[in-house]
N, C-alpha and C. Protein backbone atom coordinates (compact mmCIF):
# COMPACT_ATOMS: atom_id res chain seq x y z
N MET A 1 0.85 -1.06 -0.24
CA MET A 1 0.05 0.08 0.14
C MET A 1 0.96 1.29 -0.09
N ARG A 2 2.00 1.18 0.65
CA ARG A 2 2.86 2.48 0.64
C ARG A 2 3.16 2.56 -0.60
N LYS A 3 3.66 1.84 -1.65
CA LYS A 3 4.05 2.00 -2.98
C LYS A 3 2.99 2.79 -3.79
N ALA A 4 1.53 2.35 -3.49
CA ALA A 4 0.31 2.86 -4.05
C ALA A 4 0.33 4.40 -3.57
N LEU A 5 0.65 4.69 -2.42
CA LEU A 5 0.37 6.21 -1.73
C LEU A 5 1.48 7.23 -2.37
N LYS A 6 2.29 6.42 -3.10
CA LYS A 6 3.49 7.41 -3.93
C LYS A 6 3.09 7.74 -5.28
N HIS A 7 1.79 7.06 -5.49
CA HIS A 7 1.49 7.25 -6.95
C HIS A 7 0.86 8.56 -7.12
N PRO A 8 1.12 9.11 -8.02
CA PRO A 8 0.53 10.63 -8.23
C PRO A 8 -0.93 10.55 -8.48
N LEU A 9 -1.57 9.80 -8.99
CA LEU A 9 -3.01 9.63 -9.15
C LEU A 9 -3.77 9.24 -7.90
N VAL A 10 -2.96 8.47 -7.11
CA VAL A 10 -3.50 8.08 -5.84
C VAL A 10 -3.46 9.31 -4.83
N GLN A 11 -2.36 9.96 -4.69
CA GLN A 11 -2.35 11.22 -3.94
C GLN A 11 -3.24 12.24 -4.42
N ALA A 12 -3.54 12.50 -5.80
CA ALA A 12 -4.44 13.41 -6.34
C ALA A 12 -5.92 13.02 -5.75
N GLY A 13 -6.06 11.80 -5.91
CA GLY A 13 -7.49 11.36 -5.45
C GLY A 13 -7.64 11.37 -4.12
N ILE A 14 -6.75 11.31 -3.22
CA ILE A 14 -7.00 11.52 -1.66
C ILE A 14 -7.21 12.66 -1.56
N VAL A 15 -6.35 13.79 -1.84
CA VAL A 15 -6.53 15.29 -1.81
C VAL A 15 -8.00 15.62 -2.31
N LEU A 16 -8.40 15.22 -3.52
CA LEU A 16 -9.69 15.47 -3.83
C LEU A 16 -10.82 14.80 -3.13
N GLY A 17 -10.39 13.68 -2.34
CA GLY A 17 -11.49 13.04 -1.52
C GLY A 17 -11.59 13.65 -0.39
N LEU A 18 -10.64 14.39 0.28
CA LEU A 18 -10.63 15.16 1.56
C LEU A 18 -11.60 16.35 1.17
N GLY A 19 -11.32 17.02 0.01
CA GLY A 19 -12.24 18.15 -0.31
C GLY A 19 -13.46 17.76 -0.56
N PHE A 20 -13.93 16.83 -1.23
CA PHE A 20 -15.32 16.50 -1.71
C PHE A 20 -16.05 15.94 -0.30
N GLY A 21 -15.11 15.16 0.44
CA GLY A 21 -15.84 14.46 1.71
C GLY A 21 -16.16 15.65 2.57
N GLY A 22 -15.41 16.79 2.74
CA GLY A 22 -15.63 18.00 3.60
C GLY A 22 -16.83 18.63 3.07
N PHE A 23 -17.04 18.75 1.80
CA PHE A 23 -18.17 19.47 1.03
C PHE A 23 -19.34 18.68 1.19
N ALA A 24 -19.21 17.46 1.41
CA ALA A 24 -20.55 16.60 1.60
C ALA A 24 -20.86 16.81 2.93
N ASP A 25 -20.05 16.81 3.88
CA ASP A 25 -20.33 17.07 5.28
C ASP A 25 -21.00 18.75 5.36
N GLY A 26 -20.32 19.51 4.87
CA GLY A 26 -20.83 20.81 5.03
C GLY A 26 -22.09 21.21 4.26
N ILE A 27 -22.28 20.58 3.00
CA ILE A 27 -23.52 20.74 2.26
C ILE A 27 -24.69 19.97 3.07
N VAL A 28 -24.28 18.77 3.14
CA VAL A 28 -25.61 17.76 3.55
C VAL A 28 -26.00 18.14 5.01
N LEU A 29 -24.90 17.99 6.03
CA LEU A 29 -25.25 18.23 7.60
C LEU A 29 -25.27 19.74 8.28
N HIS A 30 -24.50 20.45 7.37
CA HIS A 30 -24.56 22.04 7.79
C HIS A 30 -25.68 22.63 7.23
N GLN A 31 -25.92 22.55 5.89
CA GLN A 31 -27.08 23.33 5.12
C GLN A 31 -27.98 22.62 4.76
N ILE A 32 -28.21 21.33 4.29
CA ILE A 32 -29.49 20.89 4.00
C ILE A 32 -30.33 20.61 5.28
N LEU A 33 -29.57 19.60 5.96
CA LEU A 33 -30.27 19.01 7.06
C LEU A 33 -30.26 20.03 8.20
N GLY A 34 -29.19 21.08 8.38
CA GLY A 34 -29.15 21.82 9.44
C GLY A 34 -28.79 21.17 10.82
N TRP A 35 -28.17 20.17 10.72
CA TRP A 35 -27.85 19.53 11.96
C TRP A 35 -26.75 20.36 12.94
N HIS A 36 -25.80 20.69 12.29
CA HIS A 36 -24.72 21.73 13.05
C HIS A 36 -24.25 22.64 12.17
N HIS A 37 -23.07 23.38 12.88
CA HIS A 37 -22.35 24.19 12.16
C HIS A 37 -21.01 23.89 12.48
N LEU A 38 -20.08 24.59 12.00
CA LEU A 38 -18.62 24.19 12.19
C LEU A 38 -18.31 24.23 13.74
N ILE A 39 -18.82 25.56 14.20
CA ILE A 39 -18.91 25.57 15.71
C ILE A 39 -20.09 25.93 16.17
N CYS A 40 -20.45 25.07 17.18
CA CYS A 40 -21.74 25.18 17.83
C CYS A 40 -21.80 26.18 19.22
N VAL A 41 -22.62 26.94 19.25
CA VAL A 41 -22.40 27.75 20.72
C VAL A 41 -23.44 27.49 21.57
N THR A 42 -24.56 26.57 21.03
CA THR A 42 -25.43 26.01 22.10
C THR A 42 -25.44 24.67 22.22
N GLU A 43 -26.07 23.77 23.06
CA GLU A 43 -25.95 22.46 23.10
C GLU A 43 -26.59 21.84 21.93
N HIS A 44 -27.91 22.42 21.36
CA HIS A 44 -28.54 21.72 20.29
C HIS A 44 -28.05 22.54 18.79
N CYS A 45 -27.08 23.51 18.85
CA CYS A 45 -26.59 24.13 17.90
C CYS A 45 -27.30 24.85 16.85
N GLN A 46 -28.37 25.58 17.81
CA GLN A 46 -29.31 26.32 17.25
C GLN A 46 -29.05 27.87 17.52
N SER A 47 -28.77 28.73 16.68
CA SER A 47 -28.51 30.12 16.95
C SER A 47 -29.62 30.82 17.91
N ALA A 48 -29.36 31.54 18.89
CA ALA A 48 -30.18 32.29 19.67
C ALA A 48 -30.57 33.85 19.24
N SER A 49 -29.79 34.09 18.19
CA SER A 49 -30.00 35.35 17.46
C SER A 49 -29.38 35.43 16.04
N ILE A 50 -29.68 36.56 15.23
CA ILE A 50 -29.46 36.79 13.80
C ILE A 50 -27.95 36.79 13.92
N GLU A 51 -27.27 37.44 14.96
CA GLU A 51 -25.96 37.53 14.81
C GLU A 51 -25.10 36.36 15.00
N GLN A 52 -25.49 35.49 16.14
CA GLN A 52 -24.97 34.22 16.19
C GLN A 52 -25.16 33.42 15.06
N LEU A 53 -26.18 33.46 14.13
CA LEU A 53 -26.34 32.88 12.85
C LEU A 53 -25.57 33.12 11.90
N GLN A 54 -25.21 34.45 11.75
CA GLN A 54 -24.47 34.97 10.76
C GLN A 54 -22.91 34.53 11.13
N LEU A 55 -22.67 34.69 12.32
CA LEU A 55 -21.37 34.31 12.79
C LEU A 55 -20.99 32.52 12.39
N GLN A 56 -21.97 32.00 12.86
CA GLN A 56 -21.79 30.58 12.42
C GLN A 56 -21.74 30.26 10.87
N ASN A 57 -22.64 30.93 10.00
CA ASN A 57 -22.54 31.02 8.60
C ASN A 57 -21.33 31.24 8.07
N LYS A 58 -20.70 32.55 8.70
CA LYS A 58 -19.16 32.96 8.22
C LYS A 58 -18.17 31.75 8.61
N GLN A 59 -18.38 31.30 9.80
CA GLN A 59 -17.35 30.24 10.12
C GLN A 59 -17.55 28.98 8.89
N ASP A 60 -18.96 28.50 8.74
CA ASP A 60 -19.03 27.55 7.78
C ASP A 60 -18.45 27.86 6.44
N GLY A 61 -18.64 29.17 5.94
CA GLY A 61 -18.04 29.82 4.93
C GLY A 61 -16.54 29.58 4.74
N PHE A 62 -15.64 29.92 5.85
CA PHE A 62 -14.33 29.72 5.97
C PHE A 62 -13.88 28.03 5.84
N PHE A 63 -14.94 27.32 6.34
CA PHE A 63 -14.56 26.15 6.31
C PHE A 63 -14.74 25.60 4.75
N HIS A 64 -15.83 26.11 4.16
CA HIS A 64 -16.01 25.81 2.63
C HIS A 64 -14.68 26.36 1.91
N LEU A 65 -14.47 27.35 2.17
CA LEU A 65 -13.16 28.22 1.33
C LEU A 65 -11.99 27.19 1.53
N ALA A 66 -11.81 26.73 2.71
CA ALA A 66 -10.56 25.85 3.16
C ALA A 66 -10.88 24.47 2.06
N LEU A 67 -11.91 24.03 1.92
CA LEU A 67 -12.24 22.75 1.32
C LEU A 67 -12.07 23.15 -0.23
N TRP A 68 -12.47 24.28 -0.68
CA TRP A 68 -12.29 24.67 -1.97
C TRP A 68 -10.97 24.90 -2.38
N LEU A 69 -10.18 25.21 -1.55
CA LEU A 69 -8.88 25.42 -1.72
C LEU A 69 -7.99 24.18 -1.93
N ILE A 70 -8.33 23.03 -0.68
CA ILE A 70 -8.06 21.67 -0.94
C ILE A 70 -8.48 21.16 -2.29
N SER A 71 -9.45 21.32 -2.72
CA SER A 71 -10.12 20.56 -3.89
C SER A 71 -9.15 21.31 -5.15
N LEU A 72 -9.14 22.36 -5.03
CA LEU A 72 -8.23 23.11 -6.15
C LEU A 72 -6.65 22.45 -6.21
N VAL A 73 -6.01 22.42 -5.24
CA VAL A 73 -4.98 21.63 -4.90
C VAL A 73 -4.95 20.14 -5.37
N GLY A 74 -6.05 19.53 -5.28
CA GLY A 74 -6.12 18.11 -5.68
C GLY A 74 -6.28 18.23 -7.04
N THR A 75 -7.11 19.04 -7.79
CA THR A 75 -7.21 19.24 -9.27
C THR A 75 -5.81 19.42 -9.71
N ALA A 76 -5.01 20.51 -9.46
CA ALA A 76 -3.78 20.49 -9.90
C ALA A 76 -2.71 19.29 -9.93
N MET A 77 -3.06 18.52 -8.86
CA MET A 77 -2.18 17.28 -8.46
C MET A 77 -2.70 16.45 -9.68
N LEU A 78 -4.07 16.43 -9.96
CA LEU A 78 -4.62 15.40 -11.00
C LEU A 78 -3.98 15.93 -12.42
N PHE A 79 -3.84 16.94 -12.51
CA PHE A 79 -3.19 17.48 -13.85
C PHE A 79 -1.83 16.90 -13.90
N ARG A 80 -0.95 16.99 -12.68
CA ARG A 80 0.07 16.50 -12.76
C ARG A 80 0.49 15.05 -13.00
N ALA A 81 -0.55 14.45 -12.33
CA ALA A 81 -0.64 12.70 -12.58
C ALA A 81 -0.89 12.58 -14.09
N ALA A 82 -1.42 13.44 -14.84
CA ALA A 82 -1.77 13.31 -16.12
C ALA A 82 -0.31 13.14 -16.88
N GLN A 83 0.56 13.83 -16.51
CA GLN A 83 1.94 13.87 -17.20
C GLN A 83 2.49 12.63 -17.03
N HIS A 84 2.11 11.59 -16.36
CA HIS A 84 2.91 10.23 -16.15
C HIS A 84 2.21 9.20 -17.03
N GLY A 85 1.70 9.83 -18.17
CA GLY A 85 1.17 8.85 -19.22
C GLY A 85 -0.31 8.09 -18.93
N ALA A 86 -0.63 7.69 -20.09
CA ALA A 86 -2.22 7.09 -19.96
C ALA A 86 -2.12 5.83 -19.28
N SER A 87 -0.92 5.04 -19.01
CA SER A 87 -0.97 3.90 -18.32
C SER A 87 -1.23 4.12 -16.75
N ALA A 88 -1.17 5.45 -16.37
CA ALA A 88 -1.37 5.87 -14.95
C ALA A 88 -2.85 6.03 -14.78
N TRP A 89 -3.46 6.07 -15.87
CA TRP A 89 -5.03 6.55 -15.38
C TRP A 89 -5.59 5.22 -15.40
N ASN A 90 -6.40 5.30 -14.20
CA ASN A 90 -7.36 4.09 -13.81
C ASN A 90 -8.49 4.52 -13.02
N GLY A 91 -9.72 4.54 -13.40
CA GLY A 91 -10.81 5.15 -12.62
C GLY A 91 -11.08 4.58 -11.45
N ARG A 92 -10.69 2.98 -11.33
CA ARG A 92 -11.07 2.55 -10.12
C ARG A 92 -10.09 3.06 -9.01
N VAL A 93 -8.92 3.10 -9.48
CA VAL A 93 -7.92 3.57 -8.64
C VAL A 93 -8.09 4.96 -8.03
N LEU A 94 -8.58 5.87 -8.84
CA LEU A 94 -8.78 7.48 -8.74
C LEU A 94 -10.12 7.28 -7.88
N PHE A 95 -11.04 6.48 -8.10
CA PHE A 95 -12.18 6.47 -7.18
C PHE A 95 -12.02 5.96 -5.69
N GLY A 96 -11.04 4.97 -5.79
CA GLY A 96 -10.84 4.46 -4.65
C GLY A 96 -9.85 5.30 -3.55
N ALA A 97 -9.11 6.00 -4.38
CA ALA A 97 -8.10 7.13 -3.57
C ALA A 97 -9.25 8.28 -3.04
N MET A 98 -10.18 8.47 -3.85
CA MET A 98 -11.23 9.61 -3.38
C MET A 98 -11.88 9.34 -2.16
N LEU A 99 -12.23 7.99 -2.53
CA LEU A 99 -13.15 7.27 -1.09
C LEU A 99 -12.42 7.27 0.02
N ALA A 100 -11.11 6.92 -0.26
CA ALA A 100 -10.23 6.70 0.92
C ALA A 100 -9.91 8.19 1.67
N GLY A 101 -9.75 9.01 0.53
CA GLY A 101 -9.61 10.62 1.08
C GLY A 101 -10.81 11.16 1.94
N TRP A 102 -11.96 10.84 1.33
CA TRP A 102 -13.28 11.06 2.11
C TRP A 102 -13.21 10.53 3.52
N GLY A 103 -12.72 9.18 3.56
CA GLY A 103 -12.72 8.39 4.89
C GLY A 103 -11.77 9.32 5.77
N VAL A 104 -10.63 9.46 5.44
CA VAL A 104 -9.72 10.34 6.19
C VAL A 104 -10.24 11.60 6.63
N PHE A 105 -11.19 12.10 5.77
CA PHE A 105 -11.59 13.53 6.32
C PHE A 105 -12.46 13.07 7.56
N ASN A 106 -13.36 12.23 7.29
CA ASN A 106 -14.53 12.00 8.36
C ASN A 106 -13.78 11.48 9.67
N VAL A 107 -12.90 10.66 9.33
CA VAL A 107 -12.01 10.19 10.75
C VAL A 107 -11.27 11.35 11.42
N VAL A 108 -10.67 12.07 10.63
CA VAL A 108 -9.80 13.28 11.38
C VAL A 108 -10.80 14.37 11.78
N GLU A 109 -11.72 14.76 10.98
CA GLU A 109 -12.66 15.64 11.37
C GLU A 109 -13.29 15.15 12.48
N GLY A 110 -13.81 13.99 12.63
CA GLY A 110 -14.62 13.18 13.64
C GLY A 110 -13.82 13.19 14.93
N VAL A 111 -12.85 12.81 15.07
CA VAL A 111 -11.91 12.70 16.23
C VAL A 111 -11.55 14.04 16.87
N ILE A 112 -11.15 14.93 15.90
CA ILE A 112 -10.74 16.29 16.45
C ILE A 112 -11.95 17.39 16.95
N ASP A 113 -12.98 17.47 15.99
CA ASP A 113 -13.94 18.35 16.09
C ASP A 113 -15.09 17.84 17.02
N HIS A 114 -15.43 16.53 17.13
CA HIS A 114 -16.60 15.79 17.83
C HIS A 114 -15.92 15.37 19.17
N HIS A 115 -14.48 14.87 19.19
CA HIS A 115 -14.12 14.07 20.45
C HIS A 115 -13.15 15.04 21.28
N ILE A 116 -12.25 15.74 20.47
CA ILE A 116 -11.24 16.48 21.05
C ILE A 116 -11.57 17.70 21.62
N LEU A 117 -11.84 18.45 20.36
CA LEU A 117 -12.21 19.97 20.69
C LEU A 117 -13.78 20.13 21.00
N ARG A 118 -14.55 19.14 20.65
CA ARG A 118 -16.00 19.12 21.16
C ARG A 118 -16.49 20.46 20.65
N ILE A 119 -16.33 21.05 19.45
CA ILE A 119 -17.00 22.24 18.76
C ILE A 119 -18.24 22.02 18.09
N HIS A 120 -18.46 20.86 18.00
CA HIS A 120 -19.65 20.23 17.23
C HIS A 120 -19.89 18.74 17.40
N HIS A 121 -21.19 18.45 17.23
CA HIS A 121 -21.37 16.86 17.07
C HIS A 121 -21.96 16.68 15.82
N VAL A 122 -22.21 15.41 15.19
CA VAL A 122 -23.02 15.43 14.02
C VAL A 122 -24.26 15.84 14.39
N LEU A 123 -25.07 15.41 15.42
CA LEU A 123 -26.56 15.71 15.64
C LEU A 123 -26.41 16.02 17.06
N PRO A 124 -25.95 17.29 17.20
CA PRO A 124 -25.99 17.83 18.76
C PRO A 124 -27.15 17.92 19.42
N GLY A 125 -27.37 17.38 20.87
CA GLY A 125 -28.33 17.54 21.67
C GLY A 125 -29.38 16.19 21.44
N HIS A 126 -29.20 15.63 20.36
CA HIS A 126 -29.84 14.14 20.22
C HIS A 126 -29.70 13.26 21.52
N PRO A 127 -30.63 12.61 21.97
CA PRO A 127 -30.34 11.59 22.96
C PRO A 127 -29.16 10.56 22.53
N HIS A 128 -28.89 10.32 21.28
CA HIS A 128 -27.79 9.20 21.01
C HIS A 128 -26.83 9.90 20.13
N GLN A 129 -26.58 11.16 20.73
CA GLN A 129 -25.47 12.06 19.97
C GLN A 129 -24.37 11.37 19.83
N LEU A 130 -23.80 10.36 20.82
CA LEU A 130 -22.41 9.71 20.59
C LEU A 130 -22.58 8.96 19.55
N TRP A 131 -23.76 7.99 19.42
CA TRP A 131 -23.92 6.84 18.38
C TRP A 131 -23.78 7.64 17.02
N PHE A 132 -24.33 8.69 16.76
CA PHE A 132 -24.11 9.76 15.59
C PHE A 132 -22.62 9.80 15.10
N ASP A 133 -21.95 10.37 16.21
CA ASP A 133 -20.48 10.63 16.13
C ASP A 133 -19.69 9.36 15.95
N LEU A 134 -20.09 8.41 16.52
CA LEU A 134 -19.38 7.15 16.20
C LEU A 134 -19.60 6.42 14.81
N LEU A 135 -20.94 6.68 14.35
CA LEU A 135 -21.38 6.21 13.02
C LEU A 135 -20.40 7.04 12.05
N PHE A 136 -20.32 8.37 12.12
CA PHE A 136 -19.59 8.86 11.24
C PHE A 136 -18.28 8.56 11.37
N LEU A 137 -17.72 8.33 12.46
CA LEU A 137 -16.25 7.50 12.41
C LEU A 137 -16.14 6.55 11.66
N THR A 138 -17.20 5.43 11.79
CA THR A 138 -17.33 4.18 11.29
C THR A 138 -17.30 4.41 9.80
N VAL A 139 -18.28 5.34 9.38
CA VAL A 139 -18.34 5.18 7.78
C VAL A 139 -17.15 5.74 7.44
N GLY A 140 -16.57 6.59 7.86
CA GLY A 140 -14.98 7.21 7.56
C GLY A 140 -14.20 5.89 7.33
N GLY A 141 -14.04 4.85 8.36
CA GLY A 141 -13.01 3.82 8.61
C GLY A 141 -13.40 2.95 7.28
N VAL A 142 -14.92 2.71 7.01
CA VAL A 142 -15.28 1.99 5.98
C VAL A 142 -14.79 2.52 4.63
N PHE A 143 -14.97 3.80 4.58
CA PHE A 143 -14.64 4.37 3.27
C PHE A 143 -13.16 4.17 3.08
N VAL A 144 -11.96 4.35 4.06
CA VAL A 144 -10.77 4.15 3.88
C VAL A 144 -10.40 2.71 3.54
N MET A 145 -11.23 1.91 4.19
CA MET A 145 -10.96 0.50 3.68
C MET A 145 -11.33 -0.07 2.21
N ILE A 146 -12.51 0.57 2.01
CA ILE A 146 -12.99 0.22 0.63
C ILE A 146 -11.94 1.02 -0.38
N GLY A 147 -11.88 2.12 -0.01
CA GLY A 147 -11.03 2.79 -0.97
C GLY A 147 -9.40 2.12 -1.24
N ALA A 148 -8.80 1.67 -0.29
CA ALA A 148 -7.71 1.02 -0.06
C ALA A 148 -7.73 -0.15 -0.91
N ARG A 149 -8.85 -0.91 -0.79
CA ARG A 149 -9.05 -2.17 -1.41
C ARG A 149 -9.15 -1.93 -3.08
N LEU A 150 -9.59 -0.81 -3.41
CA LEU A 150 -10.02 -0.39 -4.89
C LEU A 150 -8.58 0.11 -5.60
N ILE A 151 -7.83 0.73 -4.62
CA ILE A 151 -6.57 1.19 -4.95
C ILE A 151 -5.55 0.04 -5.26
N ARG A 152 -5.60 -0.95 -4.47
CA ARG A 152 -4.90 -2.30 -4.70
C ARG A 152 -5.24 -3.18 -5.93
N SER A 153 -6.73 -3.14 -6.19
CA SER A 153 -7.13 -4.06 -7.12
C SER A 153 -7.60 -3.25 -8.47
N PRO A 154 -6.64 -2.81 -9.33
CA PRO A 154 -6.71 -1.64 -10.36
C PRO A 154 -7.41 -2.46 -11.65
N ARG A 155 -8.42 -2.87 -11.45
CA ARG A 155 -9.19 -3.33 -12.91
C ARG A 155 -9.81 -2.09 -13.60
N ASN A 156 -9.72 -1.99 -14.90
CA ASN A 156 -10.32 -0.97 -15.45
C ASN A 156 -11.69 -0.69 -15.35
N VAL A 157 -12.33 0.60 -15.00
CA VAL A 157 -13.71 1.03 -14.80
C VAL A 157 -14.06 1.37 -16.22
């Protein structure tokens, strides 16, 4: 697996997966479902005022800006990977690397934000809040495992 991690296509896919995984979190959990913001100021992550909501939206905006920059770097890396010739291109490997990157995002973000810093939870204030946090981590771990398997078994897609 270490050799695979040095492959430019795998590296680009992992970075793109970090960005896209973060976007999935921000778009679905922050914006569509409204479960939490990057930084929650109340137990249930509900803003008590317009000013609080504006601040939380700004913090989410900086989160999305960071993800956009990560995705931009991943795109540049993908273009560099193209310089390694047509044999380097494999959809299964790229998809696996992106899935692994998304999983890494979930695990790192989940451990740091949900458990160490406690700045938010997946579904704050829910009676089973810890289970939602653990499910988020589990999904991340599963994505890493599936992604690694796809990277190691490069059949054409």
